[in-house]
Amino acid sequence: MNQAIQWSYVLAALLFALGIKLLGSADTARRGNALSAVGMFLAVVITLFHHSIVDFRLIMVSVAVGSLVGGLAARRIAMTAMPEMVALFNGFGGIASLLVAWAEFTKHSSTSTVSTLAILFAVLIGGLTFTGSLVAFAKLSELKLGGIRLGKVIAFPGQKWFNAGLVLLCVGVVGMLLVSTGEVSSLFILLVGLSFLLGCSGVFPIGGADMPVVVALLNSCSGVAACATGIAIQNNILIVAGSLVGASGMILTRIMCRSMNRSLAHVLFSGFGGGLSSSSASTDGEVNPISAQDAYYVLEAARSVVVVPGYGLAVAQAQHTVKELATQLEALGCDVRYAIHPVAGRMPGHMNVLLAEADVPYDALAEMDDINPLLGGVDVCLVIGANDVVNPAAREDEGSPIYGMPIINVDNARNVIVCKRSMSTGFAGVQNPLFFKENTRMLFGDAKASLQELISEFKHA
């Protein structure tokens, strides 16, 4: 029986690995997600048979309630709120690991040093992942607390030293728990509280522009916590699954940092990215507004169009509308492609998911490095709700806080049409000189409404 259980764990681990592999391609991502879900279901069922110490009735009720809540949430969640949902998932993973480790610590007071260290590590990482994810959720949701917009950088003098002190205090408490032979429940609860505080204090100083990196990092932390919990309870499949999530999350974090030309330490400790501000920066020059009718004439004459989506597209829920506009252009023989910046939106892959929902062909999506060399020959770049990822200041202005960040060089195209509500800045809180260039025209208004006007012009032509 035990051998069959172990082989079932191996099968579940293979399904996890294959699922992650398939998630690397847009056209196989759904299959990969399904395989990973099957692997997790198999792992849960086998674990229940392996450890006959649980009440199956309670487990089944929990599974039913969780499935109902998760299914309804997944179906009802708006695409704009998908990053917030991912942040919550990370937090739930962290608190689950903490609770399992806590239960194991309470049940076995005399464990080996390795097991105890794994339990304490799971508690520390799980706790900071939980509260850090809640803060990330609040920032992504642009919530306010006492009149303070949480999306901004929230820090106080000596914040870094305070966080460093918290880390040292956590290490000290862990050391005391490892060597203590008496009653340690108060020390353990203190460690839980410190982990919660460290999660809040670590994420509050990070601004909205860096949330894609933070979400990826917290995802990695949830995996590491799960892996430590697996070591504590000696569950191989939890170790494997946690390791996969932790490693893949860290790889994604590195990709996000490279896409912003910044180190992880700079993201965590610089306090940059305090955008999420609706205030307009001062203008340097005059913008050239364009009407939907005039924009139609520009697009109608174009032989090649590159669409650059940003968070504004998600806010306007305009993904289906932009697909309809692309269909109109393609009917006239125009080549339409979509340029995707790695950190566009508020989580990794946000724009890919958004366009996939509108059935945009996967082969029409182009990564930043692939599309940039071609933009000089493109007739029109249609920028919809994107800001920082197309800001030439990242390439031209050494004094800009985003200098050195790789961008999509839309200003190299013959014509640029920017769909935007106003002249407000992006997450980085810096003005975009693209809006004042001679080949740029600003189509002001709600993105969905503006695109619908363009579609009407095509239909009535």
Protein backbone atom coordinates (compact mmCIF):
# COMPACT_ATOMS: atom_id res chain seq x y z
CA MET A 1 0.00 0.00 0.00
CA ASN A 2 2.76 2.40 0.97
CA GLN A 3 4.59 1.71 -2.30
CA ALA A 4 1.44 2.44 -4.30
CA ILE A 5 1.04 5.74 -2.45
CA GLN A 6 4.62 6.75 -3.19
CA TRP A 7 4.20 5.93 -6.89
CA SER A 8 1.01 7.98 -6.91
CA TYR A 9 2.99 10.87 -5.47
CA VAL A 10 5.52 10.48 -8.28
CA LEU A 11 2.69 10.60 -10.84
CA ALA A 12 1.28 13.76 -9.21
CA ALA A 13 4.74 15.35 -9.27
CA LEU A 14 5.11 14.54 -12.97
CA LEU A 15 1.74 16.14 -13.66
CA PHE A 16 2.87 19.28 -11.79
CA ALA A 17 6.10 19.49 -13.77
CA LEU A 18 4.39 18.86 -17.10
CA GLY A 19 1.68 21.39 -16.25
CA ILE A 20 4.24 24.11 -15.52
CA LYS A 21 6.05 23.26 -18.75
CA LEU A 22 2.83 23.67 -20.76
CA LEU A 23 2.08 26.97 -19.01
CA GLY A 24 5.12 28.39 -20.79
CA SER A 25 3.19 28.64 -24.06
CA ALA A 26 -0.08 30.50 -24.56
CA ASP A 27 -1.63 27.84 -26.78
CA THR A 28 -0.96 25.03 -24.24
CA ALA A 29 -1.54 26.98 -21.04
CA ARG A 30 -5.09 25.73 -20.46
CA ARG A 31 -4.00 22.12 -20.84
CA GLY A 32 -1.11 22.73 -18.45
CA ASN A 33 -3.42 24.29 -15.88
CA ALA A 34 -5.79 21.30 -16.13
CA LEU A 35 -2.94 18.80 -15.71
CA SER A 36 -1.63 20.63 -12.65
CA ALA A 37 -5.14 20.65 -11.15
CA VAL A 38 -5.46 16.89 -11.73
CA GLY A 39 -2.07 16.38 -10.09
CA MET A 40 -3.11 18.40 -7.05
CA PHE A 41 -6.42 16.54 -6.76
CA LEU A 42 -4.57 13.21 -6.95
CA ALA A 43 -2.09 14.38 -4.30
CA VAL A 44 -4.90 15.44 -1.93
CA VAL A 45 -6.80 12.16 -2.33
CA ILE A 46 -3.70 10.00 -1.84
CA THR A 47 -2.65 12.02 1.22
CA LEU A 48 -6.05 11.42 2.79
CA PHE A 49 -5.62 7.68 2.33
CA HIS A 50 -2.02 7.83 3.47
CA HIS A 51 -2.83 9.52 6.77
CA SER A 52 -5.96 8.07 8.32
CA ILE A 53 -6.05 10.72 11.02
CA VAL A 54 -8.56 13.06 9.41
CA ASP A 55 -12.32 13.11 9.42
CA PHE A 56 -13.36 12.58 5.80
CA ARG A 57 -16.71 14.22 6.40
CA LEU A 58 -15.04 17.43 7.50
CA ILE A 59 -12.60 17.25 4.59
CA MET A 60 -15.38 16.71 2.03
CA VAL A 61 -17.40 19.60 3.43
CA SER A 62 -14.31 21.81 3.24
CA VAL A 63 -13.59 20.70 -0.33
CA ALA A 64 -17.20 21.40 -1.35
CA VAL A 65 -17.26 24.85 0.25
CA GLY A 66 -13.84 25.76 -1.14
CA SER A 67 -14.74 24.56 -4.63
CA LEU A 68 -18.00 26.53 -4.59
CA VAL A 69 -16.36 29.74 -3.40
CA GLY A 70 -13.40 29.36 -5.76
CA GLY A 71 -15.57 28.51 -8.76
CA LEU A 72 -17.92 31.45 -8.22
CA ALA A 73 -15.03 33.84 -7.61
CA ALA A 74 -13.20 32.69 -10.75
CA ARG A 75 -16.30 33.08 -12.92
CA ARG A 76 -17.37 36.43 -11.53
CA ILE A 77 -13.97 38.11 -11.22
CA ALA A 78 -13.38 40.96 -13.66
CA MET A 79 -10.23 40.84 -15.76
CA THR A 80 -9.14 44.12 -14.17
CA ALA A 81 -9.23 42.42 -10.77
CA MET A 82 -7.28 39.31 -11.80
CA PRO A 83 -4.01 40.61 -10.26
CA GLU A 84 -5.80 41.18 -6.96
CA MET A 85 -7.15 37.63 -7.08
CA VAL A 86 -3.68 36.22 -7.73
CA ALA A 87 -2.36 38.21 -4.76
CA LEU A 88 -5.08 36.72 -2.55
CA PHE A 89 -4.25 33.21 -3.78
CA ASN A 90 -0.63 33.78 -2.78
CA GLY A 91 -1.78 34.92 0.65
CA PHE A 92 -4.04 31.90 1.14
CA GLY A 93 -1.16 29.62 0.23
CA GLY A 94 1.00 31.32 2.84
CA ILE A 95 -1.55 31.14 5.66
CA ALA A 96 -2.33 27.48 4.83
CA SER A 97 1.34 26.59 5.24
CA LEU A 98 1.51 28.54 8.49
CA LEU A 99 -1.53 26.77 9.96
CA VAL A 100 -0.30 23.30 9.00
CA ALA A 101 3.12 24.04 10.49
CA TRP A 102 1.50 25.43 13.64
CA ALA A 103 -0.59 22.28 14.03
CA GLU A 104 2.51 20.12 13.57
CA PHE A 105 4.42 22.17 16.15
CA THR A 106 1.58 21.81 18.67
CA LYS A 107 1.19 18.08 18.05
CA HIS A 108 4.86 17.15 18.28
CA SER A 109 6.64 19.15 20.95
CA SER A 110 9.76 16.97 20.77
CA THR A 111 10.83 16.83 17.16
CA SER A 112 14.25 16.79 15.58
CA THR A 113 16.11 20.04 15.06
CA VAL A 114 15.64 19.80 11.30
CA SER A 115 11.87 19.31 11.61
CA THR A 116 11.56 22.13 14.12
CA LEU A 117 13.58 24.46 11.91
CA ALA A 118 11.37 23.57 8.93
CA ILE A 119 8.25 24.30 10.98
CA LEU A 120 9.55 27.67 12.12
CA PHE A 121 10.68 28.58 8.61
CA ALA A 122 7.24 27.67 7.24
CA VAL A 123 5.61 29.87 9.88
CA LEU A 124 7.91 32.81 9.17
CA ILE A 125 7.62 32.69 5.36
CA GLY A 126 3.95 31.73 5.40
CA GLY A 127 3.05 34.59 7.74
CA LEU A 128 4.89 37.30 5.83
CA THR A 129 3.47 35.93 2.55
CA PHE A 130 -0.06 36.16 3.97
CA THR A 131 0.05 39.75 5.21
CA GLY A 132 2.32 40.90 2.38
CA SER A 133 -0.20 39.54 -0.13
CA LEU A 134 -3.06 41.30 1.64
CA VAL A 135 -1.15 44.59 1.41
CA ALA A 136 -0.41 43.89 -2.27
CA PHE A 137 -4.13 43.25 -2.78
CA ALA A 138 -4.95 46.58 -1.13
CA LYS A 139 -2.42 48.42 -3.29
CA LEU A 140 -3.66 46.81 -6.49
CA SER A 141 -7.25 47.63 -5.53
CA GLU A 142 -6.23 51.24 -4.82
CA LEU A 143 -7.89 51.06 -1.40
CA LYS A 144 -7.65 53.91 1.07
CA LEU A 145 -6.92 53.70 4.78
CA GLY A 146 -7.66 56.79 6.82
CA GLY A 147 -7.53 58.94 3.69
CA ILE A 148 -4.16 57.46 2.64
CA ARG A 149 -4.08 55.79 -0.75
CA LEU A 150 -2.34 52.48 -0.14
CA GLY A 151 -1.06 52.26 -3.70
CA LYS A 152 1.52 54.95 -2.98
CA VAL A 153 4.85 54.42 -1.26
CA ILE A 154 4.04 54.31 2.46
CA ALA A 155 7.16 54.56 4.56
CA PHE A 156 8.55 56.38 7.56
CA PRO A 157 12.07 57.58 8.42
CA GLY A 158 14.19 54.60 9.32
CA GLN A 159 11.86 52.11 7.61
CA LYS A 160 14.74 50.02 6.27
CA TRP A 161 16.37 49.83 9.69
CA PHE A 162 13.05 48.90 11.23
CA ASN A 163 12.62 46.05 8.74
CA ALA A 164 16.19 44.91 9.33
CA GLY A 165 15.48 44.89 13.06
CA LEU A 166 12.38 42.78 12.50
CA VAL A 167 14.40 40.24 10.53
CA LEU A 168 17.04 40.03 13.25
CA LEU A 169 14.35 39.70 15.90
CA CYS A 170 12.73 36.85 13.94
CA VAL A 171 16.09 35.09 13.69
CA GLY A 172 16.58 35.54 17.42
CA VAL A 173 13.16 34.08 18.27
CA VAL A 174 13.80 31.12 15.95
CA GLY A 175 17.12 30.51 17.71
CA MET A 176 15.45 30.62 21.13
CA LEU A 177 12.77 28.18 20.01
CA LEU A 178 15.42 25.77 18.73
CA VAL A 179 17.36 25.66 22.01
CA SER A 180 14.50 26.09 24.49
CA THR A 181 13.45 23.06 26.54
CA GLY A 182 10.59 24.64 28.47
CA GLU A 183 7.25 26.18 27.57
CA VAL A 184 7.60 27.91 24.20
CA SER A 185 4.01 28.68 23.16
CA SER A 186 4.44 32.41 23.87
CA LEU A 187 7.64 32.53 21.80
CA PHE A 188 5.92 30.70 18.97
CA ILE A 189 3.00 33.14 18.96
CA LEU A 190 5.51 36.00 19.02
CA LEU A 191 7.13 34.55 15.86
CA VAL A 192 3.74 34.40 14.16
CA GLY A 193 3.07 38.03 15.04
CA LEU A 194 6.50 39.14 13.86
CA SER A 195 6.02 37.34 10.54
CA PHE A 196 2.71 39.14 10.02
CA LEU A 197 4.30 42.49 10.86
CA LEU A 198 7.27 41.83 8.58
CA GLY A 199 4.94 41.09 5.63
CA CYS A 200 3.11 44.38 6.11
CA SER A 201 6.21 46.46 6.76
CA GLY A 202 8.02 44.93 3.79
CA VAL A 203 5.33 45.61 1.17
CA PHE A 204 3.91 48.95 2.34
CA PRO A 205 7.01 50.92 1.14
CA ILE A 206 6.74 49.41 -2.36
CA GLY A 207 4.76 51.45 -4.88
CA GLY A 208 2.20 50.40 -7.44
CA ALA A 209 4.63 50.34 -10.36
CA ASP A 210 6.50 47.43 -8.78
CA MET A 211 3.46 45.31 -7.97
CA PRO A 212 4.04 42.84 -10.88
CA VAL A 213 7.42 41.99 -9.35
CA VAL A 214 5.99 41.80 -5.82
CA VAL A 215 3.16 39.47 -6.92
CA ALA A 216 5.67 37.15 -8.59
CA LEU A 217 7.94 37.21 -5.51
CA LEU A 218 5.07 36.47 -3.12
CA ASN A 219 4.07 33.58 -5.35
CA SER A 220 7.57 32.20 -4.93
CA CYS A 221 7.39 32.71 -1.16
CA SER A 222 4.12 30.76 -0.96
CA GLY A 223 5.87 27.86 -2.69
CA VAL A 224 8.87 28.03 -0.35
CA ALA A 225 6.53 28.00 2.67
CA ALA A 226 4.72 24.97 1.28
CA CYS A 227 8.05 23.19 0.70
CA ALA A 228 9.14 23.87 4.29
CA THR A 229 5.80 22.57 5.54
CA GLY A 230 6.28 19.42 3.49
CA ILE A 231 9.65 18.86 5.16
CA ALA A 232 8.06 19.41 8.56
CA ILE A 233 5.29 16.85 8.03
CA GLN A 234 7.45 14.59 5.83
CA ASN A 235 5.16 14.78 2.81
CA ASN A 236 7.09 14.28 -0.42
CA ILE A 237 4.50 15.66 -2.81
CA LEU A 238 4.19 18.90 -0.81
CA ILE A 239 7.96 19.26 -0.95
CA VAL A 240 7.96 18.75 -4.71
CA ALA A 241 4.99 21.04 -5.38
CA GLY A 242 6.35 23.77 -3.11
CA SER A 243 9.78 23.57 -4.73
CA LEU A 244 8.28 23.88 -8.21
CA VAL A 245 6.20 26.91 -7.24
CA GLY A 246 9.08 28.52 -5.38
CA ALA A 247 11.57 28.03 -8.21
CA SER A 248 9.21 29.06 -11.02
CA GLY A 249 8.08 32.10 -9.04
CA MET A 250 11.65 33.23 -8.48
CA ILE A 251 12.48 32.75 -12.17
CA LEU A 252 9.45 34.86 -13.07
CA THR A 253 10.54 37.49 -10.55
CA ARG A 254 13.96 37.70 -12.20
CA ILE A 255 12.32 38.05 -15.62
CA MET A 256 10.15 40.90 -14.33
CA CYS A 257 13.16 42.67 -12.80
CA ARG A 258 15.14 42.30 -16.02
CA SER A 259 12.19 43.72 -17.97
CA MET A 260 12.34 46.80 -15.74
CA ASN A 261 16.16 46.93 -15.78
CA ARG A 262 16.19 46.87 -12.01
CA SER A 263 17.50 44.51 -9.35
CA LEU A 264 15.22 42.78 -6.89
CA ALA A 265 16.94 44.64 -4.05
CA HIS A 266 16.13 47.94 -5.77
CA VAL A 267 12.48 46.96 -6.08
CA LEU A 268 12.22 45.91 -2.43
CA PHE A 269 14.20 48.72 -0.82
CA SER A 270 14.14 51.76 -3.11
CA GLY A 271 10.56 52.85 -2.52
CA PHE A 272 10.16 53.58 -6.23
CA GLY A 273 6.90 53.15 -8.05
CA GLY A 274 4.61 55.17 -5.89
CA GLY A 275 2.32 55.91 -8.76
CA LEU A 276 -1.31 54.96 -8.84
CA SER A 277 -1.85 58.70 -8.81
CA SER A 278 -4.45 60.38 -10.89
CA SER A 279 -2.86 63.79 -10.71
CA SER A 280 -1.44 65.19 -13.90
CA ALA A 281 2.17 66.13 -14.22
CA SER A 282 3.23 69.38 -15.83
CA THR A 283 3.25 69.34 -19.61
CA ASP A 284 6.29 70.15 -21.71
CA GLY A 285 4.94 71.25 -25.07
CA GLU A 286 1.62 70.81 -26.82
CA VAL A 287 -0.21 67.61 -27.52
CA ASN A 288 -1.92 66.91 -30.83
CA PRO A 289 -5.47 65.64 -30.17
CA ILE A 290 -7.28 63.70 -32.87
CA SER A 291 -10.94 62.86 -33.38
CA ALA A 292 -12.24 59.35 -33.97
CA GLN A 293 -13.11 60.29 -37.55
CA ASP A 294 -9.59 61.53 -38.31
CA ALA A 295 -8.10 58.51 -36.56
CA TYR A 296 -10.20 56.34 -38.87
CA TYR A 297 -8.62 57.96 -41.93
CA VAL A 298 -5.13 57.28 -40.56
CA LEU A 299 -5.92 53.65 -39.77
CA GLU A 300 -7.84 53.04 -42.98
CA ALA A 301 -4.78 54.00 -45.02
CA ALA A 302 -2.40 51.87 -42.94
CA ARG A 303 -0.98 48.60 -44.24
CA SER A 304 0.49 47.61 -40.86
CA VAL A 305 -0.80 48.35 -37.36
CA VAL A 306 0.71 47.36 -34.01
CA VAL A 307 -1.58 47.48 -30.98
CA VAL A 308 0.13 48.10 -27.62
CA PRO A 309 -2.25 47.28 -24.74
CA GLY A 310 -1.86 48.50 -21.17
CA TYR A 311 -3.79 48.51 -17.92
CA GLY A 312 -6.17 51.14 -19.31
CA LEU A 313 -7.42 48.52 -21.78
CA ALA A 314 -8.31 46.26 -18.86
CA VAL A 315 -10.00 49.08 -16.95
CA ALA A 316 -12.17 49.93 -19.96
CA GLN A 317 -12.89 46.21 -20.62
CA ALA A 318 -12.07 46.96 -24.25
CA GLN A 319 -10.37 43.69 -25.22
CA HIS A 320 -13.32 42.48 -27.31
CA THR A 321 -13.67 45.90 -28.92
CA VAL A 322 -10.02 46.04 -29.96
CA LYS A 323 -10.38 42.55 -31.45
CA GLU A 324 -13.38 43.77 -33.47
CA LEU A 325 -11.39 46.78 -34.69
CA ALA A 326 -8.55 44.48 -35.72
CA THR A 327 -11.03 42.38 -37.70
CA GLN A 328 -12.16 45.51 -39.56
CA LEU A 329 -8.56 46.42 -40.36
CA GLU A 330 -7.67 42.90 -41.49
CA ALA A 331 -10.66 42.90 -43.83
CA LEU A 332 -8.95 45.81 -45.62
CA GLY A 333 -5.72 43.82 -45.98
CA CYS A 334 -3.96 45.43 -43.00
CA ASP A 335 -1.49 43.38 -40.97
CA VAL A 336 -2.40 43.70 -37.27
CA ARG A 337 -0.14 42.57 -34.45
CA TYR A 338 -0.11 43.07 -30.69
CA ALA A 339 3.05 44.13 -28.85
CA ILE A 340 3.17 42.84 -25.27
CA HIS A 341 5.52 44.33 -22.70
CA PRO A 342 6.44 41.87 -19.90
CA VAL A 343 5.28 44.21 -17.13
CA ALA A 344 2.24 45.73 -18.87
CA GLY A 345 -0.75 45.61 -16.54
CA ARG A 346 -0.51 44.70 -12.89
CA MET A 347 0.72 41.14 -12.98
CA PRO A 348 2.92 39.03 -15.24
CA GLY A 349 0.99 37.96 -18.34
CA HIS A 350 -1.96 40.26 -17.59
CA MET A 351 -2.27 41.47 -21.19
CA ASN A 352 -1.89 37.97 -22.61
CA VAL A 353 -4.77 36.71 -20.48
CA LEU A 354 -6.88 39.74 -21.36
CA LEU A 355 -6.44 39.30 -25.12
CA ALA A 356 -6.89 35.53 -24.92
CA GLU A 357 -10.31 36.18 -23.41
CA ALA A 358 -11.20 38.08 -26.61
CA ASP A 359 -9.93 35.16 -28.77
CA VAL A 360 -7.02 37.15 -30.18
CA PRO A 361 -4.84 34.60 -32.05
CA TYR A 362 -1.73 33.62 -30.12
CA ASP A 363 0.46 34.04 -33.19
CA ALA A 364 -0.62 37.70 -33.42
CA LEU A 365 1.05 38.45 -30.08
CA ALA A 366 4.64 39.66 -30.22
CA GLU A 367 7.08 40.12 -27.36
CA MET A 368 8.90 43.42 -26.87
CA ASP A 369 12.28 42.19 -28.13
CA ASP A 370 10.71 40.73 -31.28
CA ILE A 371 8.59 43.73 -32.25
CA ASN A 372 11.02 46.58 -31.52
CA PRO A 373 13.28 46.01 -34.59
CA LEU A 374 10.18 46.10 -36.82
CA LEU A 375 8.53 49.27 -35.55
CA GLY A 376 10.43 51.57 -37.89
CA GLY A 377 8.46 50.11 -40.80
CA VAL A 378 5.06 50.12 -39.07
CA ASP A 379 2.45 52.59 -40.34
CA VAL A 380 0.53 53.03 -37.08
CA CYS A 381 1.11 52.10 -33.47
CA LEU A 382 -2.17 52.13 -31.56
CA VAL A 383 -1.38 52.54 -27.85
CA ILE A 384 -4.38 51.68 -25.66
CA GLY A 385 -4.09 52.50 -21.99
CA ALA A 386 -0.31 51.96 -21.83
CA ASN A 387 2.01 54.59 -20.41
CA ASP A 388 5.31 53.73 -18.72
CA VAL A 389 6.05 50.77 -21.01
CA VAL A 390 6.12 53.11 -24.05
CA ASN A 391 7.77 56.11 -22.37
CA PRO A 392 10.82 57.30 -24.38
CA ALA A 393 12.22 58.90 -21.21
CA ALA A 394 13.38 55.41 -20.25
CA ARG A 395 15.64 55.54 -23.30
CA GLU A 396 16.50 59.23 -23.60
CA ASP A 397 16.40 60.96 -20.19
CA GLU A 398 19.19 59.86 -17.83
CA GLY A 399 17.56 61.82 -15.02
CA SER A 400 14.27 59.93 -15.29
CA PRO A 401 13.49 57.40 -12.53
CA ILE A 402 12.65 54.83 -15.22
CA TYR A 403 15.83 55.44 -17.26
CA GLY A 404 17.24 52.16 -18.56
CA MET A 405 13.94 50.30 -18.43
CA PRO A 406 13.38 48.45 -21.74
CA ILE A 407 10.30 49.82 -23.50
CA ILE A 408 8.33 49.23 -26.67
CA ASN A 409 9.71 51.88 -29.03
CA VAL A 410 6.39 52.96 -30.49
CA ASP A 411 7.77 56.43 -31.28
CA ASN A 412 9.79 54.83 -34.10
CA ALA A 413 6.59 54.09 -36.04
CA ARG A 414 5.41 56.46 -38.76
CA ASN A 415 2.29 57.37 -36.77
CA VAL A 416 1.27 56.84 -33.14
CA ILE A 417 -2.31 57.08 -31.87
CA VAL A 418 -2.66 57.01 -28.08
CA CYS A 419 -6.05 56.15 -26.58
CA LYS A 420 -6.09 57.70 -23.12
CA ARG A 421 -8.57 59.28 -20.74
CA SER A 422 -6.34 62.20 -19.77
CA MET A 423 -2.75 63.38 -19.52
CA SER A 424 -2.29 61.75 -16.11
CA THR A 425 0.92 59.87 -15.43
CA GLY A 426 1.34 56.10 -15.19
CA PHE A 427 2.30 53.99 -12.19
CA ALA A 428 5.81 55.44 -12.16
CA GLY A 429 4.41 58.94 -11.67
CA VAL A 430 6.50 60.52 -14.47
CA GLN A 431 5.36 62.39 -17.54
CA ASN A 432 5.53 60.69 -20.93
CA PRO A 433 7.24 62.76 -23.68
CA LEU A 434 5.72 60.39 -26.26
CA PHE A 435 2.50 62.38 -25.98
CA PHE A 436 4.23 65.54 -27.28
CA LYS A 437 6.09 64.06 -30.25
CA GLU A 438 5.22 65.23 -33.77
CA ASN A 439 4.11 61.78 -34.96
CA THR A 440 1.81 61.21 -31.97
CA ARG A 441 -1.91 61.96 -31.87
CA MET A 442 -3.97 61.73 -28.68
CA LEU A 443 -7.43 60.16 -28.90
CA PHE A 444 -8.87 61.23 -25.54
CA GLY A 445 -11.71 59.39 -23.86
CA ASP A 446 -12.68 55.98 -22.55
CA ALA A 447 -10.78 53.36 -24.55
CA LYS A 448 -13.81 51.20 -25.25
CA ALA A 449 -15.96 54.15 -26.35
CA SER A 450 -13.17 55.52 -28.56
CA LEU A 451 -12.62 52.16 -30.23
CA GLN A 452 -16.35 51.73 -30.77
CA GLU A 453 -16.43 55.09 -32.55
CA LEU A 454 -13.60 53.93 -34.79
CA ILE A 455 -15.46 50.70 -35.57
CA SER A 456 -18.57 52.71 -36.47
CA GLU A 457 -16.49 54.78 -38.89
CA PHE A 458 -15.27 51.60 -40.59
CA LYS A 459 -18.77 50.12 -40.81
CA HIS A 460 -20.27 53.27 -42.30
CA ALA A 461 -17.46 53.93 -44.75
